[in-house]
Amino acid sequence: MTSGATERDRAKADRYSAILHEAAKLFAERGFSGVSLEDLGGAVGVSGPALYRHFANKQALLGAVLVGVSERLLAGGEAVVDADGSARQRLDGLIRFHVDFALADADVIRVQDRDLASLGDDDRHRVRRLQRSYVDLWVAVLGDLLPDHDAMDLRLRAQACFGLINSTPHSVRALRDAPEDAAVRATLEAMAAAALLA
């Protein structure tokens, strides 16, 4: 592959990432139905129709945002669980990983909460399948720590923990303004651990 081709590929990948980032931001602010292709194109410096080079339509773009984040969550969670360490160390790693995600990707969480129903059927089923697999990682680790609890209880704990972590960064203004605050992270991590192991 020539240097020019590599640079073009990199530029295309960068443009694709920029589109996803700006789409998540605009969908979070206005909702899926409140954003036009022209809005999306303007946010990344291209015409609305130019987006068709990357995505078939606006719904496909929403799918790329939500499927992509679900794939990243599952891959990151699997990496944490596959690392050496005790069950408690793996749980703490999952909590840190999810807090990092929630603070960095609050826009995507808002889009997921509000616009999941706007996905095409295939993308919606794929997101749900990936999310179930992600929850299963947490349930398996919790099962090692709480062997007397059944799967339904462990799943409830994991889901409640996600609710706690995911709601905070985009509902409290101070956290949106200072997502890198170590005290914020420490508080969320401690609260999540306490909720999971209560």
C-alpha atoms as a PDB file:
ATOM      1  CA  MET A   1       0.000   0.000   0.000  1.00  0.00           C
ATOM      2  CA  THR A   2       1.354   3.403  -0.917  1.00  0.00           C
ATOM      3  CA  SER A   3       1.855   6.229   1.521  1.00  0.00           C
ATOM      4  CA  GLY A   4      -0.858   8.217  -0.265  1.00  0.00           C
ATOM      5  CA  ALA A   5      -3.347   5.372   0.117  1.00  0.00           C
ATOM      6  CA  THR A   6      -2.492   5.044   3.803  1.00  0.00           C
ATOM      7  CA  GLU A   7      -2.999   8.760   4.352  1.00  0.00           C
ATOM      8  CA  ARG A   8      -6.327   8.635   2.509  1.00  0.00           C
ATOM      9  CA  ASP A   9      -7.419   5.660   4.597  1.00  0.00           C
ATOM     10  CA  ARG A  10      -6.434   7.482   7.779  1.00  0.00           C
ATOM     11  CA  ALA A  11      -8.251  10.634   6.681  1.00  0.00           C
ATOM     12  CA  LYS A  12     -11.355   8.593   5.866  1.00  0.00           C
ATOM     13  CA  ALA A  13     -11.231   6.865   9.265  1.00  0.00           C
ATOM     14  CA  ASP A  14     -10.779  10.227  11.000  1.00  0.00           C
ATOM     15  CA  ARG A  15     -13.742  11.684   9.117  1.00  0.00           C
ATOM     16  CA  TYR A  16     -15.861   8.641  10.015  1.00  0.00           C
ATOM     17  CA  SER A  17     -14.965   9.019  13.719  1.00  0.00           C
ATOM     18  CA  ALA A  18     -15.682  12.753  13.601  1.00  0.00           C
ATOM     19  CA  ILE A  19     -19.100  12.106  12.067  1.00  0.00           C
ATOM     20  CA  LEU A  20     -19.955   9.570  14.783  1.00  0.00           C
ATOM     21  CA  HIS A  21     -18.798  11.951  17.517  1.00  0.00           C
ATOM     22  CA  GLU A  22     -20.769  14.901  16.178  1.00  0.00           C
ATOM     23  CA  ALA A  23     -23.824  12.733  15.497  1.00  0.00           C
ATOM     24  CA  ALA A  24     -23.848  11.524  19.105  1.00  0.00           C
ATOM     25  CA  LYS A  25     -23.526  15.110  20.320  1.00  0.00           C
ATOM     26  CA  LEU A  26     -26.339  16.417  18.118  1.00  0.00           C
ATOM     27  CA  PHE A  27     -28.648  13.446  18.755  1.00  0.00           C
ATOM     28  CA  ALA A  28     -28.072  13.909  22.496  1.00  0.00           C
ATOM     29  CA  GLU A  29     -28.924  17.625  22.303  1.00  0.00           C
ATOM     30  CA  ARG A  30     -31.901  17.496  19.936  1.00  0.00           C
ATOM     31  CA  GLY A  31     -33.022  13.897  19.639  1.00  0.00           C
ATOM     32  CA  PHE A  32     -32.748  11.727  16.537  1.00  0.00           C
ATOM     33  CA  SER A  33     -35.806  13.246  14.851  1.00  0.00           C
ATOM     34  CA  GLY A  34     -34.620  16.794  15.569  1.00  0.00           C
ATOM     35  CA  VAL A  35     -31.370  16.463  13.597  1.00  0.00           C
ATOM     36  CA  SER A  36     -31.148  16.688   9.804  1.00  0.00           C
ATOM     37  CA  LEU A  37     -28.419  15.387   7.511  1.00  0.00           C
ATOM     38  CA  GLU A  38     -27.568  19.014   6.803  1.00  0.00           C
ATOM     39  CA  ASP A  39     -27.058  19.598  10.544  1.00  0.00           C
ATOM     40  CA  LEU A  40     -24.770  16.573  10.730  1.00  0.00           C
ATOM     41  CA  GLY A  41     -22.813  17.564   7.644  1.00  0.00           C
ATOM     42  CA  GLY A  42     -22.402  21.124   8.879  1.00  0.00           C
ATOM     43  CA  ALA A  43     -21.007  19.876  12.177  1.00  0.00           C
ATOM     44  CA  VAL A  44     -18.162  18.091  10.388  1.00  0.00           C
ATOM     45  CA  GLY A  45     -17.673  20.566   7.539  1.00  0.00           C
ATOM     46  CA  VAL A  46     -19.273  18.652   4.669  1.00  0.00           C
ATOM     47  CA  SER A  47     -22.571  18.898   2.834  1.00  0.00           C
ATOM     48  CA  GLY A  48     -25.427  16.771   4.126  1.00  0.00           C
ATOM     49  CA  PRO A  49     -25.509  14.596   0.986  1.00  0.00           C
ATOM     50  CA  ALA A  50     -21.758  13.925   1.345  1.00  0.00           C
ATOM     51  CA  LEU A  51     -22.604  11.840   4.421  1.00  0.00           C
ATOM     52  CA  TYR A  52     -24.050   9.225   2.066  1.00  0.00           C
ATOM     53  CA  ARG A  53     -20.465   8.285   1.238  1.00  0.00           C
ATOM     54  CA  HIS A  54     -20.199   6.926   4.778  1.00  0.00           C
ATOM     55  CA  PHE A  55     -23.779   5.969   5.742  1.00  0.00           C
ATOM     56  CA  ALA A  56     -26.831   4.866   3.772  1.00  0.00           C
ATOM     57  CA  ASN A  57     -29.107   7.211   5.748  1.00  0.00           C
ATOM     58  CA  LYS A  58     -29.551   8.907   9.111  1.00  0.00           C
ATOM     59  CA  GLN A  59     -30.882   5.711  10.700  1.00  0.00           C
ATOM     60  CA  ALA A  60     -27.724   3.861   9.627  1.00  0.00           C
ATOM     61  CA  LEU A  61     -25.671   6.606  11.274  1.00  0.00           C
ATOM     62  CA  LEU A  62     -27.621   6.165  14.514  1.00  0.00           C
ATOM     63  CA  GLY A  63     -26.973   2.432  14.226  1.00  0.00           C
ATOM     64  CA  ALA A  64     -23.240   3.018  13.814  1.00  0.00           C
ATOM     65  CA  VAL A  65     -23.214   5.166  16.965  1.00  0.00           C
ATOM     66  CA  LEU A  66     -25.118   2.720  19.183  1.00  0.00           C
ATOM     67  CA  VAL A  67     -23.795  -0.561  17.787  1.00  0.00           C
ATOM     68  CA  GLY A  68     -20.266   0.828  17.904  1.00  0.00           C
ATOM     69  CA  VAL A  69     -20.458   1.836  21.549  1.00  0.00           C
ATOM     70  CA  SER A  70     -22.005  -1.515  22.486  1.00  0.00           C
ATOM     71  CA  GLU A  71     -19.157  -3.333  20.736  1.00  0.00           C
ATOM     72  CA  ARG A  72     -16.592  -1.164  22.544  1.00  0.00           C
ATOM     73  CA  LEU A  73     -18.221  -1.820  25.903  1.00  0.00           C
ATOM     74  CA  LEU A  74     -18.242  -5.574  25.399  1.00  0.00           C
ATOM     75  CA  ALA A  75     -14.651  -5.693  24.126  1.00  0.00           C
ATOM     76  CA  GLY A  76     -13.437  -3.514  26.992  1.00  0.00           C
ATOM     77  CA  GLY A  77     -15.337  -5.539  29.568  1.00  0.00           C
ATOM     78  CA  GLU A  78     -13.933  -8.780  28.169  1.00  0.00           C
ATOM     79  CA  ALA A  79     -10.399  -7.379  28.399  1.00  0.00           C
ATOM     80  CA  VAL A  80     -10.958  -6.513  32.062  1.00  0.00           C
ATOM     81  CA  VAL A  81     -12.384  -9.925  32.908  1.00  0.00           C
ATOM     82  CA  ASP A  82      -9.606 -11.747  31.017  1.00  0.00           C
ATOM     83  CA  ALA A  83      -6.891  -9.938  32.989  1.00  0.00           C
ATOM     84  CA  ASP A  84      -5.271 -11.773  35.880  1.00  0.00           C
ATOM     85  CA  GLY A  85      -6.576 -11.006  39.338  1.00  0.00           C
ATOM     86  CA  SER A  86      -9.099 -11.939  41.960  1.00  0.00           C
ATOM     87  CA  ALA A  87     -12.839 -11.662  41.438  1.00  0.00           C
ATOM     88  CA  ARG A  88     -12.827  -8.438  43.463  1.00  0.00           C
ATOM     89  CA  GLN A  89     -10.036  -7.000  41.321  1.00  0.00           C
ATOM     90  CA  ARG A  90     -11.986  -7.891  38.173  1.00  0.00           C
ATOM     91  CA  LEU A  91     -15.121  -6.274  39.605  1.00  0.00           C
ATOM     92  CA  ASP A  92     -13.207  -3.123  40.511  1.00  0.00           C
ATOM     93  CA  GLY A  93     -11.760  -3.119  36.989  1.00  0.00           C
ATOM     94  CA  LEU A  94     -15.226  -3.396  35.445  1.00  0.00           C
ATOM     95  CA  ILE A  95     -16.470  -0.547  37.621  1.00  0.00           C
ATOM     96  CA  ARG A  96     -13.511   1.678  36.645  1.00  0.00           C
ATOM     97  CA  PHE A  97     -14.005   0.818  32.994  1.00  0.00           C
ATOM     98  CA  HIS A  98     -17.711   1.646  33.068  1.00  0.00           C
ATOM     99  CA  VAL A  99     -17.213   4.890  34.995  1.00  0.00           C
ATOM    100  CA  ASP A 100     -14.612   5.938  32.417  1.00  0.00           C
ATOM    101  CA  PHE A 101     -17.107   5.155  29.653  1.00  0.00           C
ATOM    102  CA  ALA A 102     -19.970   7.042  31.317  1.00  0.00           C
ATOM    103  CA  LEU A 103     -17.903  10.166  31.928  1.00  0.00           C
ATOM    104  CA  ALA A 104     -16.383  10.165  28.427  1.00  0.00           C
ATOM    105  CA  ASP A 105     -19.517   9.134  26.500  1.00  0.00           C
ATOM    106  CA  ALA A 106     -22.431  10.773  28.293  1.00  0.00           C
ATOM    107  CA  ASP A 107     -23.845  11.915  24.934  1.00  0.00           C
ATOM    108  CA  VAL A 108     -24.051   8.336  23.690  1.00  0.00           C
ATOM    109  CA  ILE A 109     -25.822   7.268  26.883  1.00  0.00           C
ATOM    110  CA  ARG A 110     -28.430   9.976  26.332  1.00  0.00           C
ATOM    111  CA  VAL A 111     -28.917   8.868  22.730  1.00  0.00           C
ATOM    112  CA  GLN A 112     -29.301   5.244  23.803  1.00  0.00           C
ATOM    113  CA  ASP A 113     -31.853   6.166  26.472  1.00  0.00           C
ATOM    114  CA  ARG A 114     -33.970   8.285  24.147  1.00  0.00           C
ATOM    115  CA  ASP A 115     -33.511   6.961  20.626  1.00  0.00           C
ATOM    116  CA  LEU A 116     -32.989   3.197  20.801  1.00  0.00           C
ATOM    117  CA  ALA A 117     -36.466   2.708  19.310  1.00  0.00           C
ATOM    118  CA  SER A 118     -35.389   4.706  16.237  1.00  0.00           C
ATOM    119  CA  LEU A 119     -32.879   2.044  15.252  1.00  0.00           C
ATOM    120  CA  GLY A 120     -33.603  -0.359  12.434  1.00  0.00           C
ATOM    121  CA  ASP A 121     -34.643  -3.821  13.608  1.00  0.00           C
ATOM    122  CA  ASP A 122     -31.290  -5.470  12.848  1.00  0.00           C
ATOM    123  CA  ASP A 123     -29.274  -2.808  14.655  1.00  0.00           C
ATOM    124  CA  ARG A 124     -31.640  -2.779  17.629  1.00  0.00           C
ATOM    125  CA  HIS A 125     -31.377  -6.569  18.010  1.00  0.00           C
ATOM    126  CA  ARG A 126     -27.604  -6.376  17.682  1.00  0.00           C
ATOM    127  CA  VAL A 127     -27.350  -3.679  20.364  1.00  0.00           C
ATOM    128  CA  ARG A 128     -29.547  -5.717  22.706  1.00  0.00           C
ATOM    129  CA  ARG A 129     -27.483  -8.863  22.092  1.00  0.00           C
ATOM    130  CA  LEU A 130     -24.218  -7.030  22.776  1.00  0.00           C
ATOM    131  CA  GLN A 131     -25.649  -5.442  25.911  1.00  0.00           C
ATOM    132  CA  ARG A 132     -26.815  -8.820  27.243  1.00  0.00           C
ATOM    133  CA  SER A 133     -23.319 -10.197  26.729  1.00  0.00           C
ATOM    134  CA  TYR A 134     -21.872  -7.205  28.585  1.00  0.00           C
ATOM    135  CA  VAL A 135     -24.247  -7.731  31.503  1.00  0.00           C
ATOM    136  CA  ASP A 136     -23.310 -11.432  31.523  1.00  0.00           C
ATOM    137  CA  LEU A 137     -19.669 -10.478  32.147  1.00  0.00           C
ATOM    138  CA  TRP A 138     -20.690  -8.581  35.271  1.00  0.00           C
ATOM    139  CA  VAL A 139     -23.023 -11.354  36.424  1.00  0.00           C
ATOM    140  CA  ALA A 140     -20.234 -13.940  36.148  1.00  0.00           C
ATOM    141  CA  VAL A 141     -17.832 -11.842  38.235  1.00  0.00           C
ATOM    142  CA  LEU A 142     -20.514 -11.028  40.792  1.00  0.00           C
ATOM    143  CA  GLY A 143     -21.359 -14.729  40.984  1.00  0.00           C
ATOM    144  CA  ASP A 144     -17.800 -15.442  42.113  1.00  0.00           C
ATOM    145  CA  LEU A 145     -18.135 -12.826  44.860  1.00  0.00           C
ATOM    146  CA  LEU A 146     -21.727 -13.626  45.882  1.00  0.00           C
ATOM    147  CA  PRO A 147     -22.047 -17.382  45.324  1.00  0.00           C
ATOM    148  CA  ASP A 148     -25.255 -17.662  47.379  1.00  0.00           C
ATOM    149  CA  HIS A 149     -27.159 -15.237  45.118  1.00  0.00           C
ATOM    150  CA  ASP A 150     -29.104 -16.428  42.086  1.00  0.00           C
ATOM    151  CA  ALA A 151     -28.627 -15.153  38.543  1.00  0.00           C
ATOM    152  CA  MET A 152     -31.728 -12.942  38.685  1.00  0.00           C
ATOM    153  CA  ASP A 153     -30.405 -11.133  41.762  1.00  0.00           C
ATOM    154  CA  LEU A 154     -26.958 -10.709  40.224  1.00  0.00           C
ATOM    155  CA  ARG A 155     -28.453  -9.355  36.997  1.00  0.00           C
ATOM    156  CA  LEU A 156     -30.580  -6.900  38.995  1.00  0.00           C
ATOM    157  CA  ARG A 157     -27.465  -5.681  40.809  1.00  0.00           C
ATOM    158  CA  ALA A 158     -25.570  -5.172  37.547  1.00  0.00           C
ATOM    159  CA  GLN A 159     -28.464  -3.327  35.884  1.00  0.00           C
ATOM    160  CA  ALA A 160     -28.979  -1.118  38.939  1.00  0.00           C
ATOM    161  CA  CYS A 161     -25.267  -0.301  38.949  1.00  0.00           C
ATOM    162  CA  PHE A 162     -25.417   0.752  35.292  1.00  0.00           C
ATOM    163  CA  GLY A 163     -28.391   2.952  36.093  1.00  0.00           C
ATOM    164  CA  LEU A 164     -26.476   4.620  38.907  1.00  0.00           C
ATOM    165  CA  ILE A 165     -23.327   5.241  36.884  1.00  0.00           C
ATOM    166  CA  ASN A 166     -25.009   6.113  33.577  1.00  0.00           C
ATOM    167  CA  SER A 167     -27.444   8.627  35.037  1.00  0.00           C
ATOM    168  CA  THR A 168     -24.921  10.741  36.899  1.00  0.00           C
ATOM    169  CA  PRO A 169     -22.602  12.281  34.283  1.00  0.00           C
ATOM    170  CA  HIS A 170     -25.361  13.703  32.091  1.00  0.00           C
ATOM    171  CA  SER A 171     -27.815  14.703  34.799  1.00  0.00           C
ATOM    172  CA  VAL A 172     -25.470  16.677  37.054  1.00  0.00           C
ATOM    173  CA  ARG A 173     -24.037  19.813  35.463  1.00  0.00           C
ATOM    174  CA  ALA A 174     -20.843  19.820  37.539  1.00  0.00           C
ATOM    175  CA  LEU A 175     -19.867  16.408  36.200  1.00  0.00           C
ATOM    176  CA  ARG A 176     -20.358  17.486  32.588  1.00  0.00           C
ATOM    177  CA  ASP A 177     -18.088  20.458  33.226  1.00  0.00           C
ATOM    178  CA  ALA A 178     -15.339  18.458  34.964  1.00  0.00           C
ATOM    179  CA  PRO A 179     -15.410  14.851  33.730  1.00  0.00           C
ATOM    180  CA  GLU A 180     -11.751  14.304  34.608  1.00  0.00           C
ATOM    181  CA  ASP A 181     -12.222  15.166  38.284  1.00  0.00           C
ATOM    182  CA  ALA A 182     -10.607  12.357  40.322  1.00  0.00           C
ATOM    183  CA  ALA A 183     -13.031  12.936  43.193  1.00  0.00           C
ATOM    184  CA  VAL A 184     -15.979  12.402  40.843  1.00  0.00           C
ATOM    185  CA  ARG A 185     -14.531   9.115  39.654  1.00  0.00           C
ATOM    186  CA  ALA A 186     -13.738   7.957  43.185  1.00  0.00           C
ATOM    187  CA  THR A 187     -17.274   8.733  44.376  1.00  0.00           C
ATOM    188  CA  LEU A 188     -18.912   6.925  41.462  1.00  0.00           C
ATOM    189  CA  GLU A 189     -16.641   3.907  41.849  1.00  0.00           C
ATOM    190  CA  ALA A 190     -17.263   3.656  45.595  1.00  0.00           C
ATOM    191  CA  MET A 191     -21.021   4.011  45.183  1.00  0.00           C
ATOM    192  CA  ALA A 192     -21.103   1.398  42.420  1.00  0.00           C
ATOM    193  CA  ALA A 193     -19.136  -1.125  44.496  1.00  0.00           C
ATOM    194  CA  ALA A 194     -21.367  -0.534  47.513  1.00  0.00           C
ATOM    195  CA  ALA A 195     -24.510  -1.013  45.420  1.00  0.00           C
ATOM    196  CA  LEU A 196     -23.233  -4.176  43.752  1.00  0.00           C
ATOM    197  CA  LEU A 197     -22.156  -5.856  46.961  1.00  0.00           C
ATOM    198  CA  ALA A 198     -24.908  -4.590  49.272  1.00  0.00           C
END
